[in-house]
Structure formats: C-alpha cells, structure tokens
Amino acid sequence: MLGSAALVVAAATGAVVAVTVTGGRQAPAAPRPARLSTATVVRTNLATTALTPGVLGYAAARPLINLLPGTYTSLPAEDSTIRPGQVLYRVDDQPVIAMRGRIPGWRDLGPGVPPGPDVRQLQASLIALGYASGLFSAPSGVYDGLTDYAVQRWQAAVGLPVTGSVALGQVVFITGPLRVGALTVFPGSAAVPGQRPYQVTTTRRAVTVPLNPNLPDVTAGSAVTIVLPSQSRTPGRAAAVGPVPASAGSAAHGPYAGATGVLTVKPDRPRATGTGSDVPVQVSLTVQSVRHVLAVPVSALLALSGGGYGLEIVTASGHHYLTGVTVGVFAGGLVQVSGAGVASGTKVVVAQ
C-alpha cells in the first residue's frame, strides 16, 4: 500500500515526468522523488475570501446648510473638528452655533412657540453646556420662562444679542462632532440661505466599498478585513449596505461603474487606519466559512486513481496506510477534510 501511495504522491506533486529519447542521446536522469514529511490534522476555522477595492476616509454627515443672509466673516480651517457648543462660522460677525440634535431646525424659537422636538433639543443642549444649571435638569419640549432665561445666559456667553429667543439659522443641530472639509465660500462671500459653506463629515473612520453582482452577499454586522496600502491588515465590520450615491450618477467609468450598492465598513481599531481621506484600500469579504472543522495542509492531499482524494496516515507505531477523504473549504493553504481514521492530532504525510 505504501508503495502505491508514494506513486500517487509523486503524480500529485509533478515528480513523475515523461522522458523521450531522440538522436541516440542519453535520457536525462529521472528527477529525485519528492521529499516527504508529516503534518498533524488540526481542528480550526476556515474561510475563503474575495478582495475588492474601497476608499478609506470619514463617514458621511448630514450636509451643513446656512440659513442666514448677510456676509461670511469667519470660517473654520479645513480638517478642523467642531463639536456641539462650538462656532460653525460667522455671518455679519454673529456666530452660528452647533448644538446636538437629530432633527434640523425649521422655525424661530422663543416664548409662545408650540412645544416640539426642536425645543426639546435646544433644552437638552442648554443642559449639557451648563446654561440651564439651577433652572431645569430635563428637557420638556415647552419653551417656558426658564428656557428663556437659559437662552439669555447662553447668548451672553457666546456674544449674541441677549433676547431670550433663537432665530432660525443661529443654531444648527448636529448629531455629533463634525470634521471640516473643503470650503465652498470664503470670508467676504455673500451668505445666502440654502448655501453649503463647507463640506462636512463625521469624525468616524469608514471605508466605502462599491458592490457588484460578482461579490458575496454582505449583511450589516458581518466581519471583514481592511487591507491598508502598507499591506497591513486591520479588522472591521460591515456597518450598512445602501444604494449608490446620487452624486455618482450613471457614469460608465469610475469606482461606481456597474455598482449595485455601496457597503460602509467601520474599522474596529480606527487609529490603526491613520487620518487620511480618500485612501485606496482593499476589503476582504468572506465568500464561505466553516467553524471547528478538521483540516490538513493542501499538500497532504493525494489524487486517487479512481477519483477523489486521500490521505496517507502515519500511525503511532510508524505504519503508513491510505484512506479516502471528503474535502470541503480550501483556505490559507489548508483544506477541510473528513474520513475514516481522520481525527484531530492524526499524523499525515505531506509532500515538500
């Protein structure tokens, strides 16, 4: 049995070649038999993956829209970070302040306005920033006298006219810290309601990946690997799968050509991805995976003459015998196997 197995190993590793003698020349010497060693069957997890390009940068944020007429007198520096409570820009030297909230402002706020979520957001921000201290500790959504007084405190602190009311556009509600992108206006430019004075993103690192029908299905929460330009790898998670951005249009070229959607990936270790924007990366998506299976090096597989694969097993006494196996997932130089006599710790012959 061992002799026939060795021949199968030789055939599988390409050690047997056809030799033709012509012109009376001496036939070349037969190649040396493949060196054999052993490996151990292990129980492990295997996954096959597909690499696809992506772009590393910062996660998108809701666009910043100016609602005040006048002249821009101050704008932030690109790549700076603005947090709730800080100045976004100035119009006619009056600050436009960021406050935390998910619902955009749509009206002037002051005594007598109907209760609403915008009032609640304003009150929550006044509490968080310390201007409601001693007045109220929870937002009610009702613009009462205490809210009026807290607003006056805030206005005096930031340099706004102290009125107790908030004009539409004087506060912009944001969901979290913003990173300033490219400016679209400059100090001295006319401020027009509806303008976007500069581009904004969140401060969260993210990778956007155009999806196409050739890639495996990905669901939110799936584990992925980000391959950085340095070829170092860092783990991530699929955060969301959405449509192709409207700004990409129907162009036949570019990163979204033929894309059926866009995957957003959140790095598990954002600091490992640096601080650059528009960085080309690769994302490794799982095609197929199995857990807690038996596996051997691919070089241990023997192509059987009757079809299928086998392993040459080495017993504790040193005896060798051949057994047929069923193969599964190939990944990372290993292959999933199952068969009679194959267990974790079993020694098998591998070709070198």
Protein backbone atom coordinates (compact mmCIF):
# COMPACT_ATOMS: atom_id res chain seq x y z
CA MET A 1 0.00 0.00 0.00
CA LEU A 2 2.77 2.43 0.94
CA GLY A 3 4.49 1.97 -2.42
CA SER A 4 1.36 2.79 -4.39
CA ALA A 5 0.68 5.76 -2.15
CA ALA A 6 4.14 7.13 -2.78
CA LEU A 7 3.48 6.88 -6.51
CA VAL A 8 0.27 8.79 -6.09
CA VAL A 9 2.16 11.47 -4.14
CA ALA A 10 4.69 11.69 -6.92
CA ALA A 11 1.99 12.05 -9.51
CA ALA A 12 0.18 14.68 -7.47
CA THR A 13 3.33 16.75 -6.97
CA GLY A 14 4.51 16.52 -10.55
CA ALA A 15 7.54 14.38 -9.67
CA VAL A 16 6.85 11.90 -12.47
CA VAL A 17 7.63 13.25 -15.95
CA ALA A 18 7.57 11.75 -19.43
CA VAL A 19 11.04 11.25 -20.95
CA THR A 20 11.61 10.95 -24.74
CA VAL A 21 14.92 9.69 -26.16
CA THR A 22 15.90 11.18 -29.57
CA GLY A 23 19.01 11.15 -31.70
CA GLY A 24 20.66 8.47 -29.58
CA ARG A 25 21.23 10.90 -26.73
CA GLN A 26 21.28 9.61 -23.22
CA ALA A 27 17.97 10.12 -21.49
CA PRO A 28 18.07 12.70 -18.70
CA ALA A 29 18.23 11.30 -15.21
CA ALA A 30 14.87 10.81 -13.53
CA PRO A 31 14.08 13.55 -11.03
CA ARG A 32 14.57 12.74 -7.37
CA PRO A 33 11.48 11.56 -5.54
CA ALA A 34 9.65 14.27 -3.64
CA ARG A 35 10.81 14.64 -0.06
CA LEU A 36 8.13 13.61 2.39
CA SER A 37 7.38 14.87 5.87
CA THR A 38 4.39 14.77 8.17
CA ALA A 39 1.81 17.21 9.42
CA THR A 40 -0.91 16.98 12.06
CA VAL A 41 -4.64 17.14 11.45
CA VAL A 42 -5.98 20.21 13.28
CA ARG A 43 -9.43 21.42 14.25
CA THR A 44 -9.86 25.03 13.16
CA ASN A 45 -12.00 27.64 11.38
CA LEU A 46 -11.61 28.18 7.65
CA ALA A 47 -12.87 30.95 5.38
CA THR A 48 -12.46 31.75 1.71
CA THR A 49 -12.42 35.45 0.90
CA ALA A 50 -12.64 37.87 -2.01
CA LEU A 51 -10.69 41.13 -2.21
CA THR A 52 -12.43 44.23 -3.55
CA PRO A 53 -11.32 47.88 -3.67
CA GLY A 54 -12.63 50.53 -1.30
CA VAL A 55 -11.88 54.07 -0.19
CA LEU A 56 -10.88 54.88 3.38
CA GLY A 57 -11.82 58.20 4.93
CA TYR A 58 -14.50 59.54 7.23
CA ALA A 59 -18.17 58.59 7.46
CA ALA A 60 -20.64 60.93 5.80
CA ALA A 61 -22.51 63.57 7.78
CA ARG A 62 -25.70 65.49 7.08
CA PRO A 63 -24.76 68.49 4.89
CA LEU A 64 -24.24 71.80 6.69
CA ILE A 65 -26.74 74.36 5.33
CA ASN A 66 -26.64 78.06 6.09
CA LEU A 67 -29.99 79.75 6.73
CA LEU A 68 -28.84 83.32 7.42
CA PRO A 69 -28.49 86.18 4.89
CA GLY A 70 -25.50 88.52 5.09
CA THR A 71 -21.75 88.15 4.66
CA TYR A 72 -19.48 85.37 5.85
CA THR A 73 -16.97 86.99 8.22
CA SER A 74 -15.29 83.90 9.67
CA LEU A 75 -14.93 80.27 8.60
CA PRO A 76 -13.11 77.34 10.23
CA ALA A 77 -9.89 75.78 8.95
CA GLU A 78 -10.10 72.68 6.81
CA ASP A 79 -9.53 69.41 8.70
CA SER A 80 -10.53 71.06 11.99
CA THR A 81 -13.14 69.48 14.27
CA ILE A 82 -16.26 71.25 15.54
CA ARG A 83 -18.19 69.87 18.50
CA PRO A 84 -21.63 70.73 19.89
CA GLY A 85 -21.47 74.11 21.60
CA GLN A 86 -18.77 75.48 19.28
CA VAL A 87 -18.94 78.04 16.46
CA LEU A 88 -19.52 76.68 12.94
CA TYR A 89 -18.95 80.02 11.17
CA ARG A 90 -19.93 83.69 11.47
CA VAL A 91 -22.34 85.74 9.37
CA ASP A 92 -22.14 89.54 9.84
CA ASP A 93 -19.81 88.70 12.75
CA GLN A 94 -22.60 86.81 14.54
CA PRO A 95 -21.74 83.20 15.46
CA VAL A 96 -23.68 80.23 14.15
CA ILE A 97 -23.51 77.66 16.93
CA ALA A 98 -23.59 73.87 16.71
CA MET A 99 -25.92 72.10 19.13
CA ARG A 100 -26.62 68.40 19.43
CA GLY A 101 -29.81 67.10 17.84
CA ARG A 102 -31.08 64.79 15.12
CA ILE A 103 -33.91 66.97 13.80
CA PRO A 104 -32.93 70.04 11.71
CA GLY A 105 -34.27 73.40 12.89
CA TRP A 106 -37.18 74.77 10.87
CA ARG A 107 -38.51 77.78 12.82
CA ASP A 108 -37.61 80.61 15.18
CA LEU A 109 -37.69 79.51 18.81
CA GLY A 110 -38.92 81.69 21.64
CA PRO A 111 -41.67 82.13 24.22
CA GLY A 112 -45.09 81.16 22.87
CA VAL A 113 -43.92 78.67 20.19
CA PRO A 114 -45.82 75.38 20.25
CA PRO A 115 -43.98 72.55 22.04
CA GLY A 116 -41.85 70.41 19.77
CA PRO A 117 -38.74 68.24 19.36
CA ASP A 118 -36.65 71.26 18.31
CA VAL A 119 -37.40 72.93 21.66
CA ARG A 120 -36.50 69.68 23.43
CA GLN A 121 -33.17 69.50 21.55
CA LEU A 122 -32.38 73.11 22.43
CA GLN A 123 -33.15 72.47 26.10
CA ALA A 124 -31.05 69.29 26.15
CA SER A 125 -28.09 71.23 24.71
CA LEU A 126 -28.51 74.05 27.24
CA ILE A 127 -28.41 71.43 29.99
CA ALA A 128 -25.33 69.68 28.52
CA LEU A 129 -23.48 73.01 28.09
CA GLY A 130 -24.27 74.15 31.63
CA TYR A 131 -26.56 77.10 30.84
CA ALA A 132 -29.64 75.52 32.48
CA SER A 133 -27.90 74.93 35.81
CA GLY A 134 -30.32 75.70 38.64
CA LEU A 135 -33.20 76.17 36.19
CA PHE A 136 -34.13 72.73 34.86
CA SER A 137 -32.47 69.32 34.59
CA ALA A 138 -34.60 67.60 31.94
CA PRO A 139 -35.94 68.83 28.59
CA SER A 140 -39.71 69.29 28.46
CA GLY A 141 -40.20 70.47 24.90
CA VAL A 142 -42.07 73.53 26.21
CA TYR A 143 -40.44 76.94 25.70
CA ASP A 144 -41.19 78.42 29.11
CA GLY A 145 -39.71 81.26 31.14
CA LEU A 146 -36.88 79.11 32.47
CA THR A 147 -35.89 78.18 28.93
CA ASP A 148 -35.95 81.88 28.02
CA TYR A 149 -33.57 82.65 30.87
CA ALA A 150 -31.20 79.75 29.98
CA VAL A 151 -31.10 81.02 26.39
CA GLN A 152 -30.19 84.50 27.64
CA ARG A 153 -27.29 83.01 29.61
CA TRP A 154 -26.08 81.21 26.51
CA GLN A 155 -26.44 84.25 24.26
CA ALA A 156 -24.43 86.44 26.65
CA ALA A 157 -21.68 83.81 26.83
CA VAL A 158 -21.26 83.36 23.05
CA GLY A 159 -21.60 87.02 22.06
CA LEU A 160 -25.10 87.05 20.59
CA PRO A 161 -27.71 89.73 21.27
CA VAL A 162 -29.43 88.75 24.52
CA THR A 163 -33.07 88.32 23.54
CA GLY A 164 -34.15 85.01 25.05
CA SER A 165 -35.22 83.84 21.58
CA VAL A 166 -33.28 81.91 18.94
CA ALA A 167 -33.62 82.97 15.30
CA LEU A 168 -33.79 80.27 12.66
CA GLY A 169 -30.25 79.58 11.46
CA GLN A 170 -28.48 80.88 14.59
CA VAL A 171 -28.27 77.29 15.84
CA VAL A 172 -27.53 74.25 13.66
CA PHE A 173 -28.35 70.88 15.16
CA ILE A 174 -25.72 68.18 14.52
CA THR A 175 -25.63 64.55 15.64
CA GLY A 176 -22.02 64.63 16.81
CA PRO A 177 -18.60 66.18 16.15
CA LEU A 178 -18.03 67.36 12.58
CA ARG A 179 -14.82 67.35 10.60
CA VAL A 180 -14.45 70.37 8.30
CA GLY A 181 -13.83 69.54 4.66
CA ALA A 182 -13.28 71.74 1.61
CA LEU A 183 -14.59 75.30 1.88
CA THR A 184 -17.06 76.39 -0.79
CA VAL A 185 -17.19 80.05 0.32
CA PHE A 186 -14.65 82.46 1.77
CA PRO A 187 -14.70 85.33 4.26
CA GLY A 188 -16.36 88.22 2.43
CA SER A 189 -18.59 85.95 0.33
CA ALA A 190 -22.31 86.65 0.38
CA ALA A 191 -24.17 84.37 2.76
CA VAL A 192 -27.34 83.09 1.10
CA PRO A 193 -29.92 80.85 2.77
CA GLY A 194 -29.61 77.33 1.39
CA GLN A 195 -25.84 77.53 0.81
CA ARG A 196 -23.42 74.88 2.00
CA PRO A 197 -20.46 76.94 3.28
CA TYR A 198 -18.19 73.91 3.51
CA GLN A 199 -18.23 70.17 3.25
CA VAL A 200 -18.51 68.15 6.43
CA THR A 201 -18.01 64.57 7.51
CA THR A 202 -18.23 62.87 10.86
CA THR A 203 -15.02 62.18 12.75
CA ARG A 204 -15.65 58.43 12.47
CA ARG A 205 -13.29 56.47 10.20
CA ALA A 206 -15.04 54.45 7.50
CA VAL A 207 -14.43 52.59 4.25
CA THR A 208 -16.86 52.79 1.33
CA VAL A 209 -16.94 49.77 -0.97
CA PRO A 210 -18.83 49.68 -4.29
CA LEU A 211 -20.70 46.37 -4.55
CA ASN A 212 -21.31 44.36 -7.71
CA PRO A 213 -23.04 41.04 -8.55
CA ASN A 214 -19.70 39.15 -8.51
CA LEU A 215 -19.12 39.83 -4.82
CA PRO A 216 -20.57 37.76 -1.97
CA ASP A 217 -23.65 38.97 -0.14
CA VAL A 218 -22.79 41.14 2.86
CA THR A 219 -25.08 41.95 5.76
CA ALA A 220 -24.70 44.61 8.45
CA GLY A 221 -22.56 43.30 11.28
CA SER A 222 -20.50 40.91 9.13
CA ALA A 223 -16.79 40.76 9.96
CA VAL A 224 -14.41 41.96 7.23
CA THR A 225 -10.70 42.74 6.95
CA ILE A 226 -9.30 46.05 5.70
CA VAL A 227 -6.00 45.81 3.79
CA LEU A 228 -4.18 49.14 4.05
CA PRO A 229 -1.74 50.49 1.42
CA SER A 230 1.12 49.25 3.62
CA GLN A 231 -0.38 45.73 3.24
CA SER A 232 -1.05 45.62 6.97
CA ARG A 233 -4.47 44.28 7.89
CA THR A 234 -6.97 45.56 10.44
CA PRO A 235 -10.40 44.15 11.30
CA GLY A 236 -13.69 45.87 10.61
CA ARG A 237 -17.43 45.37 10.49
CA ALA A 238 -20.00 45.96 7.77
CA ALA A 239 -21.94 48.92 9.16
CA ALA A 240 -24.53 49.40 6.42
CA VAL A 241 -25.39 48.48 2.84
CA GLY A 242 -27.05 51.25 0.86
CA PRO A 243 -27.74 52.50 -2.66
CA VAL A 244 -25.18 54.09 -4.93
CA PRO A 245 -24.89 57.82 -4.06
CA ALA A 246 -26.95 60.07 -6.30
CA SER A 247 -23.80 62.14 -6.92
CA ALA A 248 -22.27 59.13 -8.69
CA GLY A 249 -24.92 59.40 -11.40
CA SER A 250 -24.95 56.73 -14.09
CA ALA A 251 -21.35 57.17 -15.18
CA ALA A 252 -19.91 54.23 -17.04
CA HIS A 253 -16.49 54.84 -15.53
CA GLY A 254 -15.10 55.44 -12.08
CA PRO A 255 -15.40 53.50 -8.83
CA TYR A 256 -19.19 53.13 -9.03
CA ALA A 257 -19.31 51.80 -12.61
CA GLY A 258 -21.60 48.76 -12.56
CA ALA A 259 -22.13 49.05 -8.81
CA THR A 260 -25.37 47.70 -7.35
CA GLY A 261 -24.89 49.32 -3.98
CA VAL A 262 -22.36 50.66 -1.50
CA LEU A 263 -21.06 48.93 1.60
CA THR A 264 -19.89 51.07 4.52
CA VAL A 265 -17.27 49.42 6.72
CA LYS A 266 -16.44 50.59 10.25
CA PRO A 267 -12.89 49.75 11.41
CA ASP A 268 -12.68 48.00 14.78
CA ARG A 269 -9.47 49.94 15.51
CA PRO A 270 -9.89 53.36 13.87
CA ARG A 271 -6.47 54.61 14.99
CA ALA A 272 -4.81 51.82 13.01
CA THR A 273 -6.22 53.33 9.80
CA GLY A 274 -4.50 56.72 10.17
CA THR A 275 -6.11 60.08 9.45
CA GLY A 276 -6.01 60.34 5.65
CA SER A 277 -9.01 60.80 3.38
CA ASP A 278 -9.68 59.16 0.01
CA VAL A 279 -7.11 56.45 0.76
CA PRO A 280 -7.37 53.46 -1.63
CA VAL A 281 -7.62 50.19 0.29
CA GLN A 282 -8.74 46.61 -0.25
CA VAL A 283 -11.51 44.95 1.74
CA SER A 284 -11.56 41.20 2.25
CA LEU A 285 -15.12 39.82 2.17
CA THR A 286 -15.97 36.30 3.29
CA VAL A 287 -17.23 34.04 0.50
CA GLN A 288 -17.59 30.83 2.50
CA SER A 289 -16.67 29.88 6.05
CA VAL A 290 -16.79 26.85 8.33
CA ARG A 291 -16.04 26.52 12.04
CA HIS A 292 -14.48 23.79 14.15
CA VAL A 293 -13.63 21.51 11.22
CA LEU A 294 -10.71 19.13 10.66
CA ALA A 295 -8.08 20.44 8.26
CA VAL A 296 -4.72 19.47 6.79
CA PRO A 297 -2.22 21.23 4.53
CA VAL A 298 -3.31 21.10 0.89
CA SER A 299 -0.02 19.34 0.08
CA ALA A 300 -1.23 16.33 2.11
CA LEU A 301 -3.98 15.55 -0.41
CA LEU A 302 -3.41 12.60 -2.74
CA ALA A 303 -5.26 12.35 -6.05
CA LEU A 304 -6.65 8.80 -6.10
CA SER A 305 -6.62 6.85 -9.36
CA GLY A 306 -10.32 6.08 -9.01
CA GLY A 307 -11.19 9.70 -8.42
CA GLY A 308 -11.41 11.78 -5.28
CA TYR A 309 -8.76 12.41 -2.67
CA GLY A 310 -6.99 10.52 0.06
CA LEU A 311 -4.50 10.98 2.89
CA GLU A 312 -1.53 8.86 3.82
CA ILE A 313 -1.88 8.36 7.56
CA VAL A 314 1.04 7.56 9.84
CA THR A 315 0.10 5.54 12.93
CA ALA A 316 1.79 5.83 16.33
CA SER A 317 3.80 2.68 15.51
CA GLY A 318 5.05 4.22 12.26
CA HIS A 319 2.77 2.21 9.96
CA HIS A 320 1.51 4.01 6.85
CA TYR A 321 -1.86 3.45 5.21
CA LEU A 322 -4.05 5.26 2.70
CA THR A 323 -7.60 6.42 3.45
CA GLY A 324 -10.10 8.24 1.27
CA VAL A 325 -11.39 11.62 2.44
CA THR A 326 -14.10 14.11 1.60
CA VAL A 327 -12.78 17.64 1.10
CA GLY A 328 -14.53 20.92 1.84
CA VAL A 329 -13.35 24.51 2.06
CA PHE A 330 -9.84 25.44 0.87
CA ALA A 331 -8.36 28.46 2.67
CA GLY A 332 -4.94 29.74 3.70
CA GLY A 333 -3.06 26.65 2.50
CA LEU A 334 -5.38 24.32 4.44
CA VAL A 335 -8.28 22.16 3.32
CA GLN A 336 -11.23 20.84 5.26
CA VAL A 337 -11.25 17.01 5.37
CA SER A 338 -13.31 14.20 6.85
CA GLY A 339 -12.96 10.43 6.59
CA ALA A 340 -12.33 7.17 8.40
CA GLY A 341 -9.38 7.41 10.76
CA VAL A 342 -9.06 11.17 10.42
CA ALA A 343 -9.16 12.96 13.77
CA SER A 344 -7.53 15.94 15.44
CA GLY A 345 -3.89 15.07 16.10
CA THR A 346 -3.65 12.40 13.38
CA LYS A 347 -0.31 12.48 11.52
CA VAL A 348 -0.42 12.57 7.73
CA VAL A 349 2.26 12.62 5.06
CA VAL A 350 2.80 15.88 3.16
CA ALA A 351 4.94 16.40 0.08
CA GLN A 352 7.64 19.06 0.09
